[in-house]
Amino acid sequence: MRVTGLLRVLAVIITLAGTWFFVQTYLSNTGQKFVSLRSWLGKAVSQPVKNKCNNAKSCPENYYAFKIISGAANVVGPSMCFEGTVFMSSVKNNIGRGLNIVLVNGEYFQGEAAGFRYVKLLLNFLKPIQEGTIVLIASYDDPATKLNDEERGIFTSLGSSYAAKLAFRDNWIFLGAKGLHAKSPFEQHIKNSKETNKYDGWPEMLEMEGCVPKKID
């Protein structure tokens, strides 16, 4: 029975191969274009489009794509991607506990990234920010214990609504800009609370993606 079954399978394969050869030869002789099964399937099945930063939606031509992911407790570090470039992540090994900040100069499209836990270093990083610079921030572990009023004021001037009340082990992600004349719509904040924390002593991770205008106003 097994031999008979094998012979039947071979007969089917030989028949299909012969048919394919005949059709290909006929189409070649008549000058018609032969389309392979693989190429036909490739056209029939649409391939998913990979957007910048792997975002769910693409951005218009006059917008930048971004994605910000906060840290998870004190275990998983944050990541920040801007216009398809990952500036900070655990893989790049350039994150730190506290506040992780990326500065992007849209005119020359240059990025600078750093993590901070100490006030003096943070102020030295923030004060020279030039007009039009886009600022991305992601918290990791505890972003607020060492923040002073001056630093909170700088973040507020960049468009933050939550910097002034950021507290111990809160989770915070933010995108603002120097010279922004309104509150930024790109901000998420979740308080550290025993009643709502997802992790032991920390709130859940935050994730935000979207499109930011190239022209800051």
C-alpha atoms as a PDB file:
ATOM      1  CA  MET A   1       0.000   0.000   0.000  1.00  0.00           C
ATOM      2  CA  ARG A   2       2.826   2.387   0.866  1.00  0.00           C
ATOM      3  CA  VAL A   3       4.534   1.723  -2.486  1.00  0.00           C
ATOM      4  CA  THR A   4       1.264   2.317  -4.338  1.00  0.00           C
ATOM      5  CA  GLY A   5       0.717   5.587  -2.498  1.00  0.00           C
ATOM      6  CA  LEU A   6       4.252   6.761  -3.259  1.00  0.00           C
ATOM      7  CA  LEU A   7       3.796   5.969  -6.940  1.00  0.00           C
ATOM      8  CA  ARG A   8       0.591   8.000  -7.028  1.00  0.00           C
ATOM      9  CA  VAL A   9       2.345  11.012  -5.472  1.00  0.00           C
ATOM     10  CA  LEU A  10       5.183  10.743  -7.999  1.00  0.00           C
ATOM     11  CA  ALA A  11       2.671  10.513 -10.839  1.00  0.00           C
ATOM     12  CA  VAL A  12       0.949  13.718  -9.660  1.00  0.00           C
ATOM     13  CA  ILE A  13       4.274  15.549  -9.384  1.00  0.00           C
ATOM     14  CA  ILE A  14       5.360  14.430 -12.870  1.00  0.00           C
ATOM     15  CA  THR A  15       2.002  15.511 -14.314  1.00  0.00           C
ATOM     16  CA  LEU A  16       2.216  18.959 -12.712  1.00  0.00           C
ATOM     17  CA  ALA A  17       5.803  19.416 -13.853  1.00  0.00           C
ATOM     18  CA  GLY A  18       4.890  18.426 -17.406  1.00  0.00           C
ATOM     19  CA  THR A  19       1.932  20.796 -17.446  1.00  0.00           C
ATOM     20  CA  TRP A  20       4.063  23.692 -16.141  1.00  0.00           C
ATOM     21  CA  PHE A  21       6.718  22.994 -18.824  1.00  0.00           C
ATOM     22  CA  PHE A  22       4.106  22.875 -21.589  1.00  0.00           C
ATOM     23  CA  VAL A  23       2.450  26.126 -20.505  1.00  0.00           C
ATOM     24  CA  GLN A  24       5.789  27.926 -20.184  1.00  0.00           C
ATOM     25  CA  THR A  25       6.892  26.718 -23.629  1.00  0.00           C
ATOM     26  CA  TYR A  26       3.581  27.700 -25.219  1.00  0.00           C
ATOM     27  CA  LEU A  27       3.587  31.185 -23.727  1.00  0.00           C
ATOM     28  CA  SER A  28       7.206  31.727 -24.762  1.00  0.00           C
ATOM     29  CA  ASN A  29       6.434  30.732 -28.386  1.00  0.00           C
ATOM     30  CA  THR A  30       3.397  33.020 -28.548  1.00  0.00           C
ATOM     31  CA  GLY A  31       5.312  35.980 -27.155  1.00  0.00           C
ATOM     32  CA  GLN A  32       3.160  36.221 -24.058  1.00  0.00           C
ATOM     33  CA  LYS A  33       4.675  37.106 -20.734  1.00  0.00           C
ATOM     34  CA  PHE A  34       5.074  34.245 -18.303  1.00  0.00           C
ATOM     35  CA  VAL A  35       4.386  35.068 -14.675  1.00  0.00           C
ATOM     36  CA  SER A  36       5.811  32.735 -12.050  1.00  0.00           C
ATOM     37  CA  LEU A  37       3.715  31.585  -9.130  1.00  0.00           C
ATOM     38  CA  ARG A  38       6.116  33.236  -6.689  1.00  0.00           C
ATOM     39  CA  SER A  39       5.897  36.652  -8.342  1.00  0.00           C
ATOM     40  CA  TRP A  40       2.112  36.363  -8.632  1.00  0.00           C
ATOM     41  CA  LEU A  41       1.809  35.590  -4.942  1.00  0.00           C
ATOM     42  CA  GLY A  42       4.162  38.472  -4.153  1.00  0.00           C
ATOM     43  CA  LYS A  43       1.824  40.896  -5.895  1.00  0.00           C
ATOM     44  CA  ALA A  44      -1.325  39.332  -4.501  1.00  0.00           C
ATOM     45  CA  VAL A  45      -0.171  39.399  -0.876  1.00  0.00           C
ATOM     46  CA  SER A  46       0.598  42.951   0.238  1.00  0.00           C
ATOM     47  CA  GLN A  47       3.618  43.356   2.479  1.00  0.00           C
ATOM     48  CA  PRO A  48       3.222  45.433   5.674  1.00  0.00           C
ATOM     49  CA  VAL A  49       4.828  48.866   5.479  1.00  0.00           C
ATOM     50  CA  LYS A  50       7.453  49.496   8.153  1.00  0.00           C
ATOM     51  CA  ASN A  51       6.998  52.995   9.540  1.00  0.00           C
ATOM     52  CA  LYS A  52       9.712  55.035  11.246  1.00  0.00           C
ATOM     53  CA  CYS A  53      10.270  53.982  14.879  1.00  0.00           C
ATOM     54  CA  ASN A  54       7.975  51.021  14.068  1.00  0.00           C
ATOM     55  CA  ASN A  55       4.977  53.238  14.749  1.00  0.00           C
ATOM     56  CA  ALA A  56       1.473  52.093  13.922  1.00  0.00           C
ATOM     57  CA  LYS A  57       0.945  55.016  11.525  1.00  0.00           C
ATOM     58  CA  SER A  58       3.215  56.955   9.172  1.00  0.00           C
ATOM     59  CA  CYS A  59       3.687  60.689   9.590  1.00  0.00           C
ATOM     60  CA  PRO A  60       2.979  63.432   7.024  1.00  0.00           C
ATOM     61  CA  GLU A  61       5.917  64.957   5.173  1.00  0.00           C
ATOM     62  CA  ASN A  62       6.098  68.041   7.425  1.00  0.00           C
ATOM     63  CA  TYR A  63       6.143  65.991  10.660  1.00  0.00           C
ATOM     64  CA  TYR A  64       8.711  63.928  12.561  1.00  0.00           C
ATOM     65  CA  ALA A  65       7.919  60.454  13.877  1.00  0.00           C
ATOM     66  CA  PHE A  66       8.765  59.590  17.479  1.00  0.00           C
ATOM     67  CA  LYS A  67       8.287  56.894  20.105  1.00  0.00           C
ATOM     68  CA  ILE A  68       9.057  57.169  23.827  1.00  0.00           C
ATOM     69  CA  ILE A  69       8.914  54.259  26.279  1.00  0.00           C
ATOM     70  CA  SER A  70       9.558  54.777  29.979  1.00  0.00           C
ATOM     71  CA  GLY A  71      11.443  52.422  32.230  1.00  0.00           C
ATOM     72  CA  ALA A  72       9.644  49.575  33.992  1.00  0.00           C
ATOM     73  CA  ALA A  73      10.378  49.759  37.740  1.00  0.00           C
ATOM     74  CA  ASN A  74      14.169  49.643  38.195  1.00  0.00           C
ATOM     75  CA  VAL A  75      14.577  46.599  35.951  1.00  0.00           C
ATOM     76  CA  VAL A  76      13.821  47.483  32.314  1.00  0.00           C
ATOM     77  CA  GLY A  77      15.297  50.697  30.956  1.00  0.00           C
ATOM     78  CA  PRO A  78      13.547  53.253  28.739  1.00  0.00           C
ATOM     79  CA  SER A  79      13.976  53.812  25.013  1.00  0.00           C
ATOM     80  CA  MET A  80      13.521  56.809  22.744  1.00  0.00           C
ATOM     81  CA  CYS A  81      13.306  56.860  18.950  1.00  0.00           C
ATOM     82  CA  PHE A  82      13.057  59.951  16.754  1.00  0.00           C
ATOM     83  CA  GLU A  83      12.518  59.930  12.979  1.00  0.00           C
ATOM     84  CA  GLY A  84      13.667  56.306  12.748  1.00  0.00           C
ATOM     85  CA  THR A  85      16.790  56.716  14.892  1.00  0.00           C
ATOM     86  CA  VAL A  86      16.924  55.063  18.329  1.00  0.00           C
ATOM     87  CA  PHE A  87      18.860  57.555  20.463  1.00  0.00           C
ATOM     88  CA  MET A  88      18.546  55.811  23.827  1.00  0.00           C
ATOM     89  CA  SER A  89      17.890  52.190  24.838  1.00  0.00           C
ATOM     90  CA  SER A  90      19.195  49.359  26.983  1.00  0.00           C
ATOM     91  CA  VAL A  91      20.736  47.843  23.859  1.00  0.00           C
ATOM     92  CA  LYS A  92      22.745  51.022  23.219  1.00  0.00           C
ATOM     93  CA  ASN A  93      23.753  50.974  26.889  1.00  0.00           C
ATOM     94  CA  ASN A  94      23.361  54.741  27.280  1.00  0.00           C
ATOM     95  CA  ILE A  95      20.449  54.978  29.720  1.00  0.00           C
ATOM     96  CA  GLY A  96      20.554  55.852  33.406  1.00  0.00           C
ATOM     97  CA  ARG A  97      18.274  55.825  36.420  1.00  0.00           C
ATOM     98  CA  GLY A  98      16.465  59.103  36.891  1.00  0.00           C
ATOM     99  CA  LEU A  99      15.661  61.230  33.840  1.00  0.00           C
ATOM    100  CA  ASN A 100      16.793  60.218  30.359  1.00  0.00           C
ATOM    101  CA  ILE A 101      16.828  63.110  27.908  1.00  0.00           C
ATOM    102  CA  VAL A 102      17.315  63.385  24.153  1.00  0.00           C
ATOM    103  CA  LEU A 103      17.850  66.755  22.444  1.00  0.00           C
ATOM    104  CA  VAL A 104      17.203  66.957  18.710  1.00  0.00           C
ATOM    105  CA  ASN A 105      18.137  69.945  16.603  1.00  0.00           C
ATOM    106  CA  GLY A 106      15.591  69.771  13.802  1.00  0.00           C
ATOM    107  CA  GLU A 107      17.494  72.156  11.491  1.00  0.00           C
ATOM    108  CA  TYR A 108      20.610  69.979  11.323  1.00  0.00           C
ATOM    109  CA  PHE A 109      18.961  66.816  12.665  1.00  0.00           C
ATOM    110  CA  GLN A 110      21.597  66.105  15.277  1.00  0.00           C
ATOM    111  CA  GLY A 111      20.755  64.232  18.458  1.00  0.00           C
ATOM    112  CA  GLU A 112      22.280  64.271  21.930  1.00  0.00           C
ATOM    113  CA  ALA A 113      21.285  61.881  24.716  1.00  0.00           C
ATOM    114  CA  ALA A 114      22.080  61.556  28.414  1.00  0.00           C
ATOM    115  CA  GLY A 115      20.708  60.187  31.688  1.00  0.00           C
ATOM    116  CA  PHE A 116      20.731  62.221  34.913  1.00  0.00           C
ATOM    117  CA  ARG A 117      20.403  61.743  38.662  1.00  0.00           C
ATOM    118  CA  TYR A 118      22.356  64.787  39.840  1.00  0.00           C
ATOM    119  CA  VAL A 119      21.123  68.381  39.759  1.00  0.00           C
ATOM    120  CA  LYS A 120      24.301  70.141  38.641  1.00  0.00           C
ATOM    121  CA  LEU A 121      24.819  67.899  35.614  1.00  0.00           C
ATOM    122  CA  LEU A 122      21.168  68.234  34.600  1.00  0.00           C
ATOM    123  CA  LEU A 123      21.210  72.021  34.758  1.00  0.00           C
ATOM    124  CA  ASN A 124      24.399  72.178  32.705  1.00  0.00           C
ATOM    125  CA  PHE A 125      22.676  70.036  30.083  1.00  0.00           C
ATOM    126  CA  LEU A 126      19.401  71.970  30.011  1.00  0.00           C
ATOM    127  CA  LYS A 127      20.469  75.621  30.177  1.00  0.00           C
ATOM    128  CA  PRO A 128      22.288  75.825  26.799  1.00  0.00           C
ATOM    129  CA  ILE A 129      19.322  74.380  24.858  1.00  0.00           C
ATOM    130  CA  GLN A 130      18.801  76.493  21.745  1.00  0.00           C
ATOM    131  CA  GLU A 131      15.518  77.790  20.372  1.00  0.00           C
ATOM    132  CA  GLY A 132      13.687  75.202  18.287  1.00  0.00           C
ATOM    133  CA  THR A 133      15.383  72.206  19.918  1.00  0.00           C
ATOM    134  CA  ILE A 134      13.035  69.253  20.461  1.00  0.00           C
ATOM    135  CA  VAL A 135      13.325  67.566  23.864  1.00  0.00           C
ATOM    136  CA  LEU A 136      12.351  63.960  24.597  1.00  0.00           C
ATOM    137  CA  ILE A 137      12.271  62.677  28.196  1.00  0.00           C
ATOM    138  CA  ALA A 138      11.682  59.238  29.716  1.00  0.00           C
ATOM    139  CA  SER A 139      11.816  58.355  33.419  1.00  0.00           C
ATOM    140  CA  TYR A 140      13.505  55.293  34.891  1.00  0.00           C
ATOM    141  CA  ASP A 141      13.249  54.161  38.523  1.00  0.00           C
ATOM    142  CA  ASP A 142      12.901  57.552  40.306  1.00  0.00           C
ATOM    143  CA  PRO A 143      12.868  60.772  38.260  1.00  0.00           C
ATOM    144  CA  ALA A 144      11.897  63.334  40.888  1.00  0.00           C
ATOM    145  CA  THR A 145      13.708  63.035  44.230  1.00  0.00           C
ATOM    146  CA  LYS A 146      16.660  65.201  43.190  1.00  0.00           C
ATOM    147  CA  LEU A 147      14.725  67.685  41.030  1.00  0.00           C
ATOM    148  CA  ASN A 148      14.743  71.296  42.228  1.00  0.00           C
ATOM    149  CA  ASP A 149      12.404  74.157  41.359  1.00  0.00           C
ATOM    150  CA  GLU A 150      14.722  75.578  38.711  1.00  0.00           C
ATOM    151  CA  GLU A 151      14.821  72.319  36.771  1.00  0.00           C
ATOM    152  CA  ARG A 152      11.070  71.851  37.074  1.00  0.00           C
ATOM    153  CA  GLY A 153      10.645  75.385  35.752  1.00  0.00           C
ATOM    154  CA  ILE A 154      12.784  74.607  32.707  1.00  0.00           C
ATOM    155  CA  PHE A 155      10.685  71.545  31.904  1.00  0.00           C
ATOM    156  CA  THR A 156       7.520  73.613  32.333  1.00  0.00           C
ATOM    157  CA  SER A 157       8.873  76.210  29.894  1.00  0.00           C
ATOM    158  CA  LEU A 158       9.393  73.391  27.375  1.00  0.00           C
ATOM    159  CA  GLY A 159       5.652  72.675  27.503  1.00  0.00           C
ATOM    160  CA  SER A 160       5.289  70.199  30.380  1.00  0.00           C
ATOM    161  CA  SER A 161       2.116  70.117  32.473  1.00  0.00           C
ATOM    162  CA  TYR A 162       3.380  67.616  35.046  1.00  0.00           C
ATOM    163  CA  ALA A 163       6.999  68.568  35.777  1.00  0.00           C
ATOM    164  CA  ALA A 164       6.027  70.841  38.672  1.00  0.00           C
ATOM    165  CA  LYS A 165       4.262  68.022  40.541  1.00  0.00           C
ATOM    166  CA  LEU A 166       6.458  65.079  39.579  1.00  0.00           C
ATOM    167  CA  ALA A 167       7.002  62.956  42.713  1.00  0.00           C
ATOM    168  CA  PHE A 168       9.013  59.989  44.015  1.00  0.00           C
ATOM    169  CA  ARG A 169       8.952  57.027  41.596  1.00  0.00           C
ATOM    170  CA  ASP A 170       6.314  58.551  39.335  1.00  0.00           C
ATOM    171  CA  ASN A 171       6.499  57.468  35.709  1.00  0.00           C
ATOM    172  CA  TRP A 172       6.806  60.247  33.127  1.00  0.00           C
ATOM    173  CA  ILE A 173       7.359  60.559  29.395  1.00  0.00           C
ATOM    174  CA  PHE A 174       7.365  63.866  27.554  1.00  0.00           C
ATOM    175  CA  LEU A 175       8.141  65.573  24.260  1.00  0.00           C
ATOM    176  CA  GLY A 176       8.452  69.339  24.234  1.00  0.00           C
ATOM    177  CA  ALA A 177      10.562  72.056  22.649  1.00  0.00           C
ATOM    178  CA  LYS A 178      12.467  75.229  23.428  1.00  0.00           C
ATOM    179  CA  GLY A 179      10.327  78.129  22.262  1.00  0.00           C
ATOM    180  CA  LEU A 180       7.000  76.288  22.489  1.00  0.00           C
ATOM    181  CA  HIS A 181       4.260  78.825  23.253  1.00  0.00           C
ATOM    182  CA  ALA A 182       1.692  76.342  24.542  1.00  0.00           C
ATOM    183  CA  LYS A 183       1.469  73.163  26.578  1.00  0.00           C
ATOM    184  CA  SER A 184       2.745  70.094  24.749  1.00  0.00           C
ATOM    185  CA  PRO A 185       0.126  67.489  23.792  1.00  0.00           C
ATOM    186  CA  PHE A 186       2.815  64.802  23.990  1.00  0.00           C
ATOM    187  CA  GLU A 187       3.042  63.933  27.668  1.00  0.00           C
ATOM    188  CA  GLN A 188       2.009  61.084  29.932  1.00  0.00           C
ATOM    189  CA  HIS A 189       2.304  60.820  33.705  1.00  0.00           C
ATOM    190  CA  ILE A 190       1.284  58.181  36.210  1.00  0.00           C
ATOM    191  CA  LYS A 191       1.681  58.545  39.954  1.00  0.00           C
ATOM    192  CA  ASN A 192       3.395  56.100  42.235  1.00  0.00           C
ATOM    193  CA  SER A 193       0.519  54.680  44.288  1.00  0.00           C
ATOM    194  CA  LYS A 194       0.216  51.483  46.328  1.00  0.00           C
ATOM    195  CA  GLU A 195      -3.383  51.112  45.166  1.00  0.00           C
ATOM    196  CA  THR A 196      -2.638  51.275  41.438  1.00  0.00           C
ATOM    197  CA  ASN A 197       1.025  50.270  40.999  1.00  0.00           C
ATOM    198  CA  LYS A 198       1.538  47.447  38.545  1.00  0.00           C
ATOM    199  CA  TYR A 199       4.962  46.540  39.904  1.00  0.00           C
ATOM    200  CA  ASP A 200       6.081  46.268  43.517  1.00  0.00           C
ATOM    201  CA  GLY A 201       6.682  49.920  44.398  1.00  0.00           C
ATOM    202  CA  TRP A 202       6.472  51.321  40.855  1.00  0.00           C
ATOM    203  CA  PRO A 203       3.662  52.252  38.444  1.00  0.00           C
ATOM    204  CA  GLU A 204       3.269  50.614  35.069  1.00  0.00           C
ATOM    205  CA  MET A 205       5.421  51.403  32.050  1.00  0.00           C
ATOM    206  CA  LEU A 206       4.317  54.229  29.746  1.00  0.00           C
ATOM    207  CA  GLU A 207       4.525  54.261  25.954  1.00  0.00           C
ATOM    208  CA  MET A 208       3.734  57.065  23.531  1.00  0.00           C
ATOM    209  CA  GLU A 209       4.182  57.434  19.785  1.00  0.00           C
ATOM    210  CA  GLY A 210       3.106  60.032  17.293  1.00  0.00           C
ATOM    211  CA  CYS A 211       4.001  62.814  14.882  1.00  0.00           C
ATOM    212  CA  VAL A 212       5.443  66.168  15.930  1.00  0.00           C
ATOM    213  CA  PRO A 213       5.427  69.187  13.583  1.00  0.00           C
ATOM    214  CA  LYS A 214       8.796  70.159  12.141  1.00  0.00           C
ATOM    215  CA  LYS A 215       7.982  73.807  12.750  1.00  0.00           C
ATOM    216  CA  ILE A 216       7.825  74.645  16.451  1.00  0.00           C
ATOM    217  CA  ASP A 217       5.428  77.389  17.549  1.00  0.00           C
END
